[in-house]
Amino acid sequence: MASQTKSVLLSRLRTIEGHVRGILRMVEADAYCPEVLAQAMAVQSAVDRFSLELLEHHLGTCFITAVRGDSEQERERALREILNIFEASAKLKRTRLPQPATGDDGVPENQRTCRTGPSGLVA
């Protein structure tokens, strides 16, 4: 991997790591759920940007080299890898959130731990 590309990717990962640590501190401090969720979505967006940059690098280097090469077996392997990446991505998008567990009173457990938000309403 070219040093400039590697540097950019490592920088993105360090930013993501710092952001995740911030979310960890927010959860430890019982921060307001929507604020934590906003930060989690920002991390997801950063991970998506990292993934896209890495995919772009791979397509422009390793993949294109394999596809242009003389080995049919290597071309097929490279194509299978890319297809597997897209299949895995599609599966992630179809993943559904689990239903929250409820207590004896029927109140979802996840609603018992939410704090009062900035507006004074309980989340």
PDB file of N, CA and C in Angstrom:
ATOM      1  N   MET A   1       0.856  -1.173   0.000  1.00  0.00           N
ATOM      2  CA  MET A   1       0.000   0.000   0.000  1.00  0.00           C
ATOM      3  C   MET A   1       0.903   1.237   0.000  1.00  0.00           C
ATOM      4  N   ALA A   2       0.562   2.183  -0.829  1.00  0.00           N
ATOM      5  CA  ALA A   2       1.342   3.419  -0.913  1.00  0.00           C
ATOM      6  C   ALA A   2       1.305   4.141   0.431  1.00  0.00           C
ATOM      7  N   SER A   3       2.421   4.760   0.783  1.00  0.00           N
ATOM      8  CA  SER A   3       2.519   5.388   2.106  1.00  0.00           C
ATOM      9  C   SER A   3       1.502   6.509   2.296  1.00  0.00           C
ATOM     10  N   GLN A   4       1.185   7.255   1.242  1.00  0.00           N
ATOM     11  CA  GLN A   4       0.202   8.333   1.372  1.00  0.00           C
ATOM     12  C   GLN A   4      -1.189   7.762   1.650  1.00  0.00           C
ATOM     13  N   THR A   5      -1.557   6.716   0.927  1.00  0.00           N
ATOM     14  CA  THR A   5      -2.853   6.066   1.149  1.00  0.00           C
ATOM     15  C   THR A   5      -2.916   5.483   2.554  1.00  0.00           C
ATOM     16  N   LYS A   6      -1.850   4.816   2.940  1.00  0.00           N
ATOM     17  CA  LYS A   6      -1.791   4.220   4.275  1.00  0.00           C
ATOM     18  C   LYS A   6      -1.921   5.297   5.345  1.00  0.00           C
ATOM     19  N   SER A   7      -1.261   6.412   5.146  1.00  0.00           N
ATOM     20  CA  SER A   7      -1.314   7.514   6.102  1.00  0.00           C
ATOM     21  C   SER A   7      -2.738   8.058   6.240  1.00  0.00           C
ATOM     22  N   VAL A   8      -3.415   8.230   5.113  1.00  0.00           N
ATOM     23  CA  VAL A   8      -4.794   8.732   5.130  1.00  0.00           C
ATOM     24  C   VAL A   8      -5.706   7.738   5.848  1.00  0.00           C
ATOM     25  N   LEU A   9      -5.553   6.455   5.536  1.00  0.00           N
ATOM     26  CA  LEU A   9      -6.393   5.437   6.163  1.00  0.00           C
ATOM     27  C   LEU A   9      -6.137   5.352   7.664  1.00  0.00           C
ATOM     28  N   LEU A  10      -4.877   5.391   8.059  1.00  0.00           N
ATOM     29  CA  LEU A  10      -4.553   5.344   9.487  1.00  0.00           C
ATOM     30  C   LEU A  10      -5.096   6.567  10.215  1.00  0.00           C
ATOM     31  N   SER A  11      -5.030   7.709   9.573  1.00  0.00           N
ATOM     32  CA  SER A  11      -5.575   8.927  10.175  1.00  0.00           C
ATOM     33  C   SER A  11      -7.079   8.795  10.388  1.00  0.00           C
ATOM     34  N   ARG A  12      -7.764   8.268   9.390  1.00  0.00           N
ATOM     35  CA  ARG A  12      -9.213   8.058   9.527  1.00  0.00           C
ATOM     36  C   ARG A  12      -9.509   7.097  10.678  1.00  0.00           C
ATOM     37  N   LEU A  13      -8.734   6.026  10.762  1.00  0.00           N
ATOM     38  CA  LEU A  13      -8.958   5.047  11.832  1.00  0.00           C
ATOM     39  C   LEU A  13      -8.692   5.649  13.210  1.00  0.00           C
ATOM     40  N   ARG A  14      -7.678   6.469  13.321  1.00  0.00           N
ATOM     41  CA  ARG A  14      -7.398   7.114  14.613  1.00  0.00           C
ATOM     42  C   ARG A  14      -8.531   8.060  15.009  1.00  0.00           C
ATOM     43  N   THR A  15      -9.070   8.752  14.027  1.00  0.00           N
ATOM     44  CA  THR A  15     -10.208   9.634  14.289  1.00  0.00           C
ATOM     45  C   THR A  15     -11.405   8.817  14.763  1.00  0.00           C
ATOM     46  N   ILE A  16     -11.668   7.713  14.079  1.00  0.00           N
ATOM     47  CA  ILE A  16     -12.774   6.830  14.463  1.00  0.00           C
ATOM     48  C   ILE A  16     -12.548   6.295  15.877  1.00  0.00           C
ATOM     49  N   GLU A  17     -11.332   5.868  16.148  1.00  0.00           N
ATOM     50  CA  GLU A  17     -11.003   5.337  17.471  1.00  0.00           C
ATOM     51  C   GLU A  17     -11.275   6.380  18.559  1.00  0.00           C
ATOM     52  N   GLY A  18     -10.853   7.605  18.328  1.00  0.00           N
ATOM     53  CA  GLY A  18     -11.095   8.665  19.302  1.00  0.00           C
ATOM     54  C   GLY A  18     -12.572   8.938  19.492  1.00  0.00           C
ATOM     55  N   HIS A  19     -13.293   8.900  18.399  1.00  0.00           N
ATOM     56  CA  HIS A  19     -14.733   9.131  18.462  1.00  0.00           C
ATOM     57  C   HIS A  19     -15.419   8.019  19.261  1.00  0.00           C
ATOM     58  N   VAL A  20     -15.012   6.778  19.021  1.00  0.00           N
ATOM     59  CA  VAL A  20     -15.600   5.649  19.755  1.00  0.00           C
ATOM     60  C   VAL A  20     -15.281   5.762  21.240  1.00  0.00           C
ATOM     61  N   ARG A  21     -14.077   6.172  21.566  1.00  0.00           N
ATOM     62  CA  ARG A  21     -13.731   6.373  22.980  1.00  0.00           C
ATOM     63  C   ARG A  21     -14.619   7.453  23.606  1.00  0.00           C
ATOM     64  N   GLY A  22     -14.918   8.481  22.827  1.00  0.00           N
ATOM     65  CA  GLY A  22     -15.825   9.520  23.308  1.00  0.00           C
ATOM     66  C   GLY A  22     -17.215   8.974  23.580  1.00  0.00           C
ATOM     67  N   ILE A  23     -17.685   8.114  22.704  1.00  0.00           N
ATOM     68  CA  ILE A  23     -18.999   7.489  22.907  1.00  0.00           C
ATOM     69  C   ILE A  23     -18.974   6.611  24.153  1.00  0.00           C
ATOM     70  N   LEU A  24     -17.893   5.896  24.337  1.00  0.00           N
ATOM     71  CA  LEU A  24     -17.742   5.062  25.532  1.00  0.00           C
ATOM     72  C   LEU A  24     -17.868   5.916  26.794  1.00  0.00           C
ATOM     73  N   ARG A  25     -17.204   7.059  26.794  1.00  0.00           N
ATOM     74  CA  ARG A  25     -17.297   7.958  27.958  1.00  0.00           C
ATOM     75  C   ARG A  25     -18.727   8.473  28.139  1.00  0.00           C
ATOM     76  N   MET A  26     -19.396   8.759  27.023  1.00  0.00           N
ATOM     77  CA  MET A  26     -20.779   9.232  27.107  1.00  0.00           C
ATOM     78  C   MET A  26     -21.677   8.171  27.740  1.00  0.00           C
ATOM     79  N   VAL A  27     -21.510   6.931  27.324  1.00  0.00           N
ATOM     80  CA  VAL A  27     -22.332   5.846  27.873  1.00  0.00           C
ATOM     81  C   VAL A  27     -22.010   5.649  29.349  1.00  0.00           C
ATOM     82  N   GLU A  28     -20.727   5.689  29.688  1.00  0.00           N
ATOM     83  CA  GLU A  28     -20.339   5.549  31.099  1.00  0.00           C
ATOM     84  C   GLU A  28     -20.940   6.660  31.954  1.00  0.00           C
ATOM     85  N   ALA A  29     -21.093   7.842  31.365  1.00  0.00           N
ATOM     86  CA  ALA A  29     -21.638   8.989  32.093  1.00  0.00           C
ATOM     87  C   ALA A  29     -23.162   9.078  31.985  1.00  0.00           C
ATOM     88  N   ASP A  30     -23.786   8.052  31.417  1.00  0.00           N
ATOM     89  CA  ASP A  30     -25.242   8.039  31.232  1.00  0.00           C
ATOM     90  C   ASP A  30     -25.737   9.248  30.446  1.00  0.00           C
ATOM     91  N   ALA A  31     -25.058   9.562  29.365  1.00  0.00           N
ATOM     92  CA  ALA A  31     -25.465  10.685  28.516  1.00  0.00           C
ATOM     93  C   ALA A  31     -26.838  10.411  27.907  1.00  0.00           C
ATOM     94  N   TYR A  32     -27.490  11.465  27.503  1.00  0.00           N
ATOM     95  CA  TYR A  32     -28.811  11.400  26.891  1.00  0.00           C
ATOM     96  C   TYR A  32     -28.727  10.563  25.611  1.00  0.00           C
ATOM     97  N   CYS A  33     -29.594   9.558  25.512  1.00  0.00           N
ATOM     98  CA  CYS A  33     -29.528   8.571  24.420  1.00  0.00           C
ATOM     99  C   CYS A  33     -29.453   9.191  23.020  1.00  0.00           C
ATOM    100  N   PRO A  34     -30.305  10.166  22.680  1.00  0.00           N
ATOM    101  CA  PRO A  34     -30.210  10.739  21.331  1.00  0.00           C
ATOM    102  C   PRO A  34     -28.850  11.381  21.039  1.00  0.00           C
ATOM    103  N   GLU A  35     -28.210  11.922  22.065  1.00  0.00           N
ATOM    104  CA  GLU A  35     -26.881  12.501  21.860  1.00  0.00           C
ATOM    105  C   GLU A  35     -25.859  11.404  21.573  1.00  0.00           C
ATOM    106  N   VAL A  36     -25.979  10.292  22.279  1.00  0.00           N
ATOM    107  CA  VAL A  36     -25.084   9.151  22.038  1.00  0.00           C
ATOM    108  C   VAL A  36     -25.337   8.594  20.642  1.00  0.00           C
ATOM    109  N   LEU A  37     -26.600   8.473  20.277  1.00  0.00           N
ATOM    110  CA  LEU A  37     -26.940   7.962  18.948  1.00  0.00           C
ATOM    111  C   LEU A  37     -26.394   8.859  17.844  1.00  0.00           C
ATOM    112  N   ALA A  38     -26.458  10.153  18.037  1.00  0.00           N
ATOM    113  CA  ALA A  38     -25.918  11.081  17.032  1.00  0.00           C
ATOM    114  C   ALA A  38     -24.423  10.838  16.844  1.00  0.00           C
ATOM    115  N   GLN A  39     -23.724  10.616  17.940  1.00  0.00           N
ATOM    116  CA  GLN A  39     -22.290  10.345  17.846  1.00  0.00           C
ATOM    117  C   GLN A  39     -22.031   8.984  17.199  1.00  0.00           C
ATOM    118  N   ALA A  40     -22.866   8.006  17.516  1.00  0.00           N
ATOM    119  CA  ALA A  40     -22.715   6.677  16.911  1.00  0.00           C
ATOM    120  C   ALA A  40     -22.930   6.745  15.401  1.00  0.00           C
ATOM    121  N   MET A  41     -23.891   7.543  14.973  1.00  0.00           N
ATOM    122  CA  MET A  41     -24.130   7.696  13.535  1.00  0.00           C
ATOM    123  C   MET A  41     -22.955   8.400  12.859  1.00  0.00           C
ATOM    124  N   ALA A  42     -22.336   9.328  13.564  1.00  0.00           N
ATOM    125  CA  ALA A  42     -21.152   9.998  13.016  1.00  0.00           C
ATOM    126  C   ALA A  42     -20.010   8.998  12.842  1.00  0.00           C
ATOM    127  N   VAL A  43     -19.864   8.096  13.802  1.00  0.00           N
ATOM    128  CA  VAL A  43     -18.831   7.059  13.694  1.00  0.00           C
ATOM    129  C   VAL A  43     -19.136   6.146  12.514  1.00  0.00           C
ATOM    130  N   GLN A  44     -20.396   5.757  12.372  1.00  0.00           N
ATOM    131  CA  GLN A  44     -20.769   4.891  11.248  1.00  0.00           C
ATOM    132  C   GLN A  44     -20.444   5.564   9.923  1.00  0.00           C
ATOM    133  N   SER A  45     -20.722   6.840   9.833  1.00  0.00           N
ATOM    134  CA  SER A  45     -20.409   7.590   8.620  1.00  0.00           C
ATOM    135  C   SER A  45     -18.900   7.611   8.368  1.00  0.00           C
ATOM    136  N   ALA A  46     -18.130   7.789   9.422  1.00  0.00           N
ATOM    137  CA  ALA A  46     -16.671   7.794   9.289  1.00  0.00           C
ATOM    138  C   ALA A  46     -16.156   6.419   8.864  1.00  0.00           C
ATOM    139  N   VAL A  47     -16.742   5.364   9.400  1.00  0.00           N
ATOM    140  CA  VAL A  47     -16.353   4.005   9.006  1.00  0.00           C
ATOM    141  C   VAL A  47     -16.713   3.774   7.538  1.00  0.00           C
ATOM    142  N   ASP A  48     -17.866   4.268   7.124  1.00  0.00           N
ATOM    143  CA  ASP A  48     -18.260   4.144   5.716  1.00  0.00           C
ATOM    144  C   ASP A  48     -17.263   4.853   4.803  1.00  0.00           C
ATOM    145  N   ARG A  49     -16.832   6.055   5.198  1.00  0.00           N
ATOM    146  CA  ARG A  49     -15.853   6.791   4.388  1.00  0.00           C
ATOM    147  C   ARG A  49     -14.522   6.036   4.327  1.00  0.00           C
ATOM    148  N   PHE A  50     -14.107   5.479   5.472  1.00  0.00           N
ATOM    149  CA  PHE A  50     -12.883   4.678   5.508  1.00  0.00           C
ATOM    150  C   PHE A  50     -13.009   3.483   4.558  1.00  0.00           C
ATOM    151  N   SER A  51     -14.123   2.778   4.652  1.00  0.00           N
ATOM    152  CA  SER A  51     -14.337   1.592   3.821  1.00  0.00           C
ATOM    153  C   SER A  51     -14.328   1.943   2.341  1.00  0.00           C
ATOM    154  N   LEU A  52     -14.961   3.036   2.002  1.00  0.00           N
ATOM    155  CA  LEU A  52     -15.001   3.465   0.607  1.00  0.00           C
ATOM    156  C   LEU A  52     -13.601   3.804   0.097  1.00  0.00           C
ATOM    157  N   GLU A  53     -12.839   4.494   0.913  1.00  0.00           N
ATOM    158  CA  GLU A  53     -11.474   4.847   0.521  1.00  0.00           C
ATOM    159  C   GLU A  53     -10.611   3.592   0.350  1.00  0.00           C
ATOM    160  N   LEU A  54     -10.758   2.645   1.261  1.00  0.00           N
ATOM    161  CA  LEU A  54      -9.995   1.399   1.162  1.00  0.00           C
ATOM    162  C   LEU A  54     -10.425   0.596  -0.067  1.00  0.00           C
ATOM    163  N   LEU A  55     -11.724   0.541  -0.322  1.00  0.00           N
ATOM    164  CA  LEU A  55     -12.218  -0.167  -1.506  1.00  0.00           C
ATOM    165  C   LEU A  55     -11.697   0.487  -2.779  1.00  0.00           C
ATOM    166  N   GLU A  56     -11.733   1.806  -2.817  1.00  0.00           N
ATOM    167  CA  GLU A  56     -11.220   2.528  -3.987  1.00  0.00           C
ATOM    168  C   GLU A  56      -9.743   2.203  -4.215  1.00  0.00           C
ATOM    169  N   HIS A  57      -8.980   2.176  -3.135  1.00  0.00           N
ATOM    170  CA  HIS A  57      -7.559   1.822  -3.245  1.00  0.00           C
ATOM    171  C   HIS A  57      -7.405   0.400  -3.784  1.00  0.00           C
ATOM    172  N   HIS A  58      -8.159  -0.523  -3.213  1.00  0.00           N
ATOM    173  CA  HIS A  58      -8.053  -1.923  -3.625  1.00  0.00           C
ATOM    174  C   HIS A  58      -8.422  -2.091  -5.099  1.00  0.00           C
ATOM    175  N   LEU A  59      -9.508  -1.449  -5.511  1.00  0.00           N
ATOM    176  CA  LEU A  59      -9.930  -1.568  -6.911  1.00  0.00           C
ATOM    177  C   LEU A  59      -8.889  -0.995  -7.864  1.00  0.00           C
ATOM    178  N   GLY A  60      -8.257   0.089  -7.448  1.00  0.00           N
ATOM    179  CA  GLY A  60      -7.278   0.740  -8.314  1.00  0.00           C
ATOM    180  C   GLY A  60      -5.905   0.098  -8.310  1.00  0.00           C
ATOM    181  N   THR A  61      -5.670  -0.834  -7.409  1.00  0.00           N
ATOM    182  CA  THR A  61      -4.342  -1.463  -7.326  1.00  0.00           C
ATOM    183  C   THR A  61      -4.453  -2.977  -7.478  1.00  0.00           C
ATOM    184  N   CYS A  62      -4.697  -3.659  -6.403  1.00  0.00           N
ATOM    185  CA  CYS A  62      -4.707  -5.130  -6.392  1.00  0.00           C
ATOM    186  C   CYS A  62      -5.718  -5.714  -7.379  1.00  0.00           C
ATOM    187  N   PHE A  63      -6.931  -5.192  -7.334  1.00  0.00           N
ATOM    188  CA  PHE A  63      -7.991  -5.737  -8.181  1.00  0.00           C
ATOM    189  C   PHE A  63      -7.673  -5.550  -9.662  1.00  0.00           C
ATOM    190  N   ILE A  64      -7.315  -4.345 -10.038  1.00  0.00           N
ATOM    191  CA  ILE A  64      -7.054  -4.067 -11.453  1.00  0.00           C
ATOM    192  C   ILE A  64      -5.856  -4.868 -11.951  1.00  0.00           C
ATOM    193  N   THR A  65      -4.869  -5.066 -11.096  1.00  0.00           N
ATOM    194  CA  THR A  65      -3.709  -5.878 -11.467  1.00  0.00           C
ATOM    195  C   THR A  65      -4.137  -7.319 -11.735  1.00  0.00           C
ATOM    196  N   ALA A  66      -4.994  -7.849 -10.867  1.00  0.00           N
ATOM    197  CA  ALA A  66      -5.462  -9.231 -11.042  1.00  0.00           C
ATOM    198  C   ALA A  66      -6.315  -9.372 -12.297  1.00  0.00           C
ATOM    199  N   VAL A  67      -7.188  -8.412 -12.537  1.00  0.00           N
ATOM    200  CA  VAL A  67      -8.090  -8.488 -13.686  1.00  0.00           C
ATOM    201  C   VAL A  67      -7.323  -8.354 -15.002  1.00  0.00           C
ATOM    202  N   ARG A  68      -6.295  -7.549 -15.010  1.00  0.00           N
ATOM    203  CA  ARG A  68      -5.496  -7.357 -16.231  1.00  0.00           C
ATOM    204  C   ARG A  68      -4.446  -8.445 -16.431  1.00  0.00           C
ATOM    205  N   GLY A  69      -4.255  -9.277 -15.425  1.00  0.00           N
ATOM    206  CA  GLY A  69      -3.224 -10.311 -15.502  1.00  0.00           C
ATOM    207  C   GLY A  69      -3.589 -11.445 -16.445  1.00  0.00           C
ATOM    208  N   ASP A  70      -2.637 -12.320 -16.641  1.00  0.00           N
ATOM    209  CA  ASP A  70      -2.809 -13.445 -17.561  1.00  0.00           C
ATOM    210  C   ASP A  70      -3.527 -14.638 -16.933  1.00  0.00           C
ATOM    211  N   SER A  71      -3.581 -14.682 -15.623  1.00  0.00           N
ATOM    212  CA  SER A  71      -4.146 -15.844 -14.942  1.00  0.00           C
ATOM    213  C   SER A  71      -5.665 -15.731 -14.817  1.00  0.00           C
ATOM    214  N   GLU A  72      -6.352 -16.634 -15.490  1.00  0.00           N
ATOM    215  CA  GLU A  72      -7.811 -16.646 -15.392  1.00  0.00           C
ATOM    216  C   GLU A  72      -8.249 -16.957 -13.961  1.00  0.00           C
ATOM    217  N   GLN A  73      -7.517 -17.833 -13.316  1.00  0.00           N
ATOM    218  CA  GLN A  73      -7.827 -18.204 -11.932  1.00  0.00           C
ATOM    219  C   GLN A  73      -7.717 -16.980 -11.010  1.00  0.00           C
ATOM    220  N   GLU A  74      -6.702 -16.177 -11.218  1.00  0.00           N
ATOM    221  CA  GLU A  74      -6.507 -14.974 -10.405  1.00  0.00           C
ATOM    222  C   GLU A  74      -7.612 -13.947 -10.677  1.00  0.00           C
ATOM    223  N   ARG A  75      -8.020 -13.809 -11.926  1.00  0.00           N
ATOM    224  CA  ARG A  75      -9.118 -12.886 -12.268  1.00  0.00           C
ATOM    225  C   ARG A  75     -10.408 -13.322 -11.583  1.00  0.00           C
ATOM    226  N   GLU A  76     -10.690 -14.606 -11.631  1.00  0.00           N
ATOM    227  CA  GLU A  76     -11.907 -15.124 -10.999  1.00  0.00           C
ATOM    228  C   GLU A  76     -11.864 -14.938  -9.486  1.00  0.00           C
ATOM    229  N   ARG A  77     -10.705 -15.149  -8.892  1.00  0.00           N
ATOM    230  CA  ARG A  77     -10.552 -14.954  -7.445  1.00  0.00           C
ATOM    231  C   ARG A  77     -10.829 -13.501  -7.073  1.00  0.00           C
ATOM    232  N   ALA A  78     -10.266 -12.576  -7.847  1.00  0.00           N
ATOM    233  CA  ALA A  78     -10.450 -11.149  -7.571  1.00  0.00           C
ATOM    234  C   ALA A  78     -11.922 -10.759  -7.702  1.00  0.00           C
ATOM    235  N   LEU A  79     -12.587 -11.271  -8.709  1.00  0.00           N
ATOM    236  CA  LEU A  79     -14.012 -10.975  -8.886  1.00  0.00           C
ATOM    237  C   LEU A  79     -14.845 -11.553  -7.746  1.00  0.00           C
ATOM    238  N   ARG A  80     -14.517 -12.774  -7.322  1.00  0.00           N
ATOM    239  CA  ARG A  80     -15.239 -13.386  -6.196  1.00  0.00           C
ATOM    240  C   ARG A  80     -15.069 -12.558  -4.924  1.00  0.00           C
ATOM    241  N   GLU A  81     -13.861 -12.062  -4.703  1.00  0.00           N
ATOM    242  CA  GLU A  81     -13.620 -11.225  -3.518  1.00  0.00           C
ATOM    243  C   GLU A  81     -14.522  -9.997  -3.514  1.00  0.00           C
ATOM    244  N   ILE A  82     -14.585  -9.321  -4.642  1.00  0.00           N
ATOM    245  CA  ILE A  82     -15.409  -8.110  -4.729  1.00  0.00           C
ATOM    246  C   ILE A  82     -16.885  -8.461  -4.558  1.00  0.00           C
ATOM    247  N   LEU A  83     -17.324  -9.526  -5.190  1.00  0.00           N
ATOM    248  CA  LEU A  83     -18.719  -9.945  -5.025  1.00  0.00           C
ATOM    249  C   LEU A  83     -19.023 -10.283  -3.571  1.00  0.00           C
ATOM    250  N   ASN A  84     -18.104 -10.943  -2.895  1.00  0.00           N
ATOM    251  CA  ASN A  84     -18.301 -11.275  -1.477  1.00  0.00           C
ATOM    252  C   ASN A  84     -18.419 -10.018  -0.620  1.00  0.00           C
ATOM    253  N   ILE A  85     -17.632  -9.007  -0.944  1.00  0.00           N
ATOM    254  CA  ILE A  85     -17.701  -7.743  -0.206  1.00  0.00           C
ATOM    255  C   ILE A  85     -19.085  -7.122  -0.368  1.00  0.00           C
ATOM    256  N   PHE A  86     -19.582  -7.088  -1.593  1.00  0.00           N
ATOM    257  CA  PHE A  86     -20.893  -6.489  -1.831  1.00  0.00           C
ATOM    258  C   PHE A  86     -22.019  -7.327  -1.229  1.00  0.00           C
ATOM    259  N   GLU A  87     -21.886  -8.640  -1.256  1.00  0.00           N
ATOM    260  CA  GLU A  87     -22.893  -9.496  -0.622  1.00  0.00           C
ATOM    261  C   GLU A  87     -22.930  -9.262   0.884  1.00  0.00           C
ATOM    262  N   ALA A  88     -21.764  -9.168   1.503  1.00  0.00           N
ATOM    263  CA  ALA A  88     -21.707  -8.915   2.948  1.00  0.00           C
ATOM    264  C   ALA A  88     -22.316  -7.561   3.277  1.00  0.00           C
ATOM    265  N   SER A  89     -22.054  -6.576   2.447  1.00  0.00           N
ATOM    266  CA  SER A  89     -22.613  -5.243   2.660  1.00  0.00           C
ATOM    267  C   SER A  89     -24.133  -5.272   2.560  1.00  0.00           C
ATOM    268  N   ALA A  90     -24.646  -5.988   1.587  1.00  0.00           N
ATOM    269  CA  ALA A  90     -26.098  -6.089   1.421  1.00  0.00           C
ATOM    270  C   ALA A  90     -26.733  -6.791   2.617  1.00  0.00           C
ATOM    271  N   LYS A  91     -26.069  -7.808   3.153  1.00  0.00           N
ATOM    272  CA  LYS A  91     -26.599  -8.511   4.324  1.00  0.00           C
ATOM    273  C   LYS A  91     -26.657  -7.589   5.528  1.00  0.00           C
ATOM    274  N   LEU A  92     -25.647  -6.751   5.698  1.00  0.00           N
ATOM    275  CA  LEU A  92     -25.647  -5.808   6.812  1.00  0.00           C
ATOM    276  C   LEU A  92     -26.818  -4.845   6.716  1.00  0.00           C
ATOM    277  N   LYS A  93     -27.125  -4.407   5.522  1.00  0.00           N
ATOM    278  CA  LYS A  93     -28.218  -3.458   5.336  1.00  0.00           C
ATOM    279  C   LYS A  93     -29.571  -4.088   5.629  1.00  0.00           C
ATOM    280  N   ARG A  94     -29.670  -5.405   5.478  1.00  0.00           N
ATOM    281  CA  ARG A  94     -30.938  -6.093   5.729  1.00  0.00           C
ATOM    282  C   ARG A  94     -31.107  -6.506   7.184  1.00  0.00           C
ATOM    283  N   THR A  95     -30.079  -6.331   7.996  1.00  0.00           N
ATOM    284  CA  THR A  95     -30.138  -6.743   9.391  1.00  0.00           C
ATOM    285  C   THR A  95     -31.177  -5.915  10.130  1.00  0.00           C
ATOM    286  N   ARG A  96     -32.020  -6.587  10.871  1.00  0.00           N
ATOM    287  CA  ARG A  96     -33.051  -5.904  11.649  1.00  0.00           C
ATOM    288  C   ARG A  96     -32.610  -5.776  13.093  1.00  0.00           C
ATOM    289  N   LEU A  97     -33.100  -4.743  13.727  1.00  0.00           N
ATOM    290  CA  LEU A  97     -32.804  -4.545  15.139  1.00  0.00           C
ATOM    291  C   LEU A  97     -33.626  -5.520  15.969  1.00  0.00           C
ATOM    292  N   PRO A  98     -33.041  -6.058  17.037  1.00  0.00           N
ATOM    293  CA  PRO A  98     -33.803  -6.953  17.906  1.00  0.00           C
ATOM    294  C   PRO A  98     -34.867  -6.171  18.670  1.00  0.00           C
ATOM    295  N   GLN A  99     -35.950  -6.841  19.000  1.00  0.00           N
ATOM    296  CA  GLN A  99     -36.997  -6.221  19.798  1.00  0.00           C
ATOM    297  C   GLN A  99     -36.522  -6.144  21.247  1.00  0.00           C
ATOM    298  N   PRO A 100     -36.774  -5.020  21.913  1.00  0.00           N
ATOM    299  CA  PRO A 100     -36.313  -4.890  23.296  1.00  0.00           C
ATOM    300  C   PRO A 100     -37.048  -5.847  24.226  1.00  0.00           C
ATOM    301  N   ALA A 101     -36.309  -6.368  25.191  1.00  0.00           N
ATOM    302  CA  ALA A 101     -36.909  -7.235  26.210  1.00  0.00           C
ATOM    303  C   ALA A 101     -37.775  -6.384  27.122  1.00  0.00           C
ATOM    304  N   THR A 102     -38.853  -6.957  27.609  1.00  0.00           N
ATOM    305  CA  THR A 102     -39.730  -6.215  28.508  1.00  0.00           C
ATOM    306  C   THR A 102     -39.713  -6.846  29.889  1.00  0.00           C
ATOM    307  N   GLY A 103     -39.965  -6.015  30.885  1.00  0.00           N
ATOM    308  CA  GLY A 103     -40.050  -6.492  32.260  1.00  0.00           C
ATOM    309  C   GLY A 103     -41.446  -7.006  32.555  1.00  0.00           C
ATOM    310  N   ASP A 104     -41.691  -7.352  33.813  1.00  0.00           N
ATOM    311  CA  ASP A 104     -42.998  -7.876  34.221  1.00  0.00           C
ATOM    312  C   ASP A 104     -44.122  -6.877  33.984  1.00  0.00           C
ATOM    313  N   ASP A 105     -43.786  -5.595  34.004  1.00  0.00           N
ATOM    314  CA  ASP A 105     -44.807  -4.568  33.814  1.00  0.00           C
ATOM    315  C   ASP A 105     -45.021  -4.215  32.343  1.00  0.00           C
ATOM    316  N   GLY A 106     -44.306  -4.896  31.444  1.00  0.00           N
ATOM    317  CA  GLY A 106     -44.467  -4.651  30.016  1.00  0.00           C
ATOM    318  C   GLY A 106     -43.652  -3.489  29.482  1.00  0.00           C
ATOM    319  N   VAL A 107     -42.922  -2.799  30.341  1.00  0.00           N
ATOM    320  CA  VAL A 107     -42.099  -1.668  29.909  1.00  0.00           C
ATOM    321  C   VAL A 107     -40.781  -2.218  29.363  1.00  0.00           C
ATOM    322  N   PRO A 108     -40.401  -1.807  28.141  1.00  0.00           N
ATOM    323  CA  PRO A 108     -39.126  -2.280  27.597  1.00  0.00           C
ATOM    324  C   PRO A 108     -37.963  -1.929  28.520  1.00  0.00           C
ATOM    325  N   GLU A 109     -37.077  -2.893  28.711  1.00  0.00           N
ATOM    326  CA  GLU A 109     -35.926  -2.704  29.596  1.00  0.00           C
ATOM    327  C   GLU A 109     -35.080  -1.508  29.169  1.00  0.00           C
ATOM    328  N   ASN A 110     -34.974  -1.290  27.860  1.00  0.00           N
ATOM    329  CA  ASN A 110     -34.130  -0.192  27.397  1.00  0.00           C
ATOM    330  C   ASN A 110     -34.709   1.175  27.759  1.00  0.00           C
ATOM    331  N   GLN A 111     -35.969   1.252  28.114  1.00  0.00           N
ATOM    332  CA  GLN A 111     -36.564   2.529  28.505  1.00  0.00           C
ATOM    333  C   GLN A 111     -36.355   2.824  29.984  1.00  0.00           C
ATOM    334  N   ARG A 112     -35.920   1.859  30.725  1.00  0.00           N
ATOM    335  CA  ARG A 112     -35.709   2.051  32.156  1.00  0.00           C
ATOM    336  C   ARG A 112     -34.417   2.810  32.442  1.00  0.00           C
ATOM    337  N   THR A 113     -33.482   2.799  31.514  1.00  0.00           N
ATOM    338  CA  THR A 113     -32.175   3.383  31.791  1.00  0.00           C
ATOM    339  C   THR A 113     -31.967   4.736  31.128  1.00  0.00           C
ATOM    340  N   CYS A 114     -32.931   5.211  30.347  1.00  0.00           N
ATOM    341  CA  CYS A 114     -32.761   6.498  29.675  1.00  0.00           C
ATOM    342  C   CYS A 114     -32.882   7.627  30.685  1.00  0.00           C
ATOM    343  N   ARG A 115     -32.097   8.648  30.448  1.00  0.00           N
ATOM    344  CA  ARG A 115     -32.105   9.813  31.326  1.00  0.00           C
ATOM    345  C   ARG A 115     -32.969  10.906  30.732  1.00  0.00           C
ATOM    346  N   THR A 116     -33.251  11.876  31.542  1.00  0.00           N
ATOM    347  CA  THR A 116     -33.996  13.030  31.069  1.00  0.00           C
ATOM    348  C   THR A 116     -33.106  13.839  30.147  1.00  0.00           C
ATOM    349  N   GLY A 117     -33.649  14.214  29.009  1.00  0.00           N
ATOM    350  CA  GLY A 117     -32.885  14.961  28.024  1.00  0.00           C
ATOM    351  C   GLY A 117     -32.896  16.449  28.292  1.00  0.00           C
ATOM    352  N   PRO A 118     -32.282  17.204  27.398  1.00  0.00           N
ATOM    353  CA  PRO A 118     -32.175  18.649  27.567  1.00  0.00           C
ATOM    354  C   PRO A 118     -33.535  19.339  27.688  1.00  0.00           C
ATOM    355  N   SER A 119     -34.557  18.765  27.057  1.00  0.00           N
ATOM    356  CA  SER A 119     -35.875  19.397  27.094  1.00  0.00           C
ATOM    357  C   SER A 119     -36.644  19.036  28.355  1.00  0.00           C
ATOM    358  N   GLY A 120     -36.095  18.132  29.161  1.00  0.00           N
ATOM    359  CA  GLY A 120     -36.782  17.705  30.365  1.00  0.00           C
ATOM    360  C   GLY A 120     -37.664  16.495  30.139  1.00  0.00           C
ATOM    361  N   LEU A 121     -37.786  16.056  28.893  1.00  0.00           N
ATOM    362  CA  LEU A 121     -38.587  14.883  28.587  1.00  0.00           C
ATOM    363  C   LEU A 121     -37.754  13.632  28.783  1.00  0.00           C
ATOM    364  N   VAL A 122     -38.409  12.565  29.155  1.00  0.00           N
ATOM    365  CA  VAL A 122     -37.711  11.294  29.315  1.00  0.00           C
ATOM    366  C   VAL A 122     -37.667  10.610  27.962  1.00  0.00           C
ATOM    367  N   ALA A 123     -36.495  10.130  27.600  1.00  0.00           N
ATOM    368  CA  ALA A 123     -36.338   9.456  26.304  1.00  0.00           C
ATOM    369  C   ALA A 123     -36.664   7.997  26.439  1.00  0.00           C
TER     370      ALA A 123
END
